[in-house]
Amino acid sequence: MNLVPRADRLQLRLPITYRARGDEEWLLSRVVNLSESGVLFGPTGLSPGTVVEVIISPPVPVGARAPGPHVCAGMVVRTTEMGDVAAQFETWRVLLEA
């Protein structure tokens, strides 16, 4: 069996702004942990299979990603009993401020 190593997760309690793709309203929540491949955050009312967009601003590098504001898109892959959701990132890009 060939296992893919799991990305290092950082336990960061920081704000996250999110929305389901297609929604106009952004909502606020809290990051539980973050890696280059995804984020655990909540609580939310999102369910697995939902495509989401998030805005995060980690104060430290996350893997090869620089600190600062980023916009990421991905899919909710699981939920927890506490109402948190795990989203796997498909894109991660620097958010340039105007």
Foldseek 3Di string as FASTA:
>chain_A
DDDDDDFDKDQDWDKKWKDFPPDPDIDIWTWRIDAPFWTKIDQDPDAFPTKMKMWDAAPCAHVPRGGGIKIWIFTFHHADPVNITITTTPDIDHDDDD
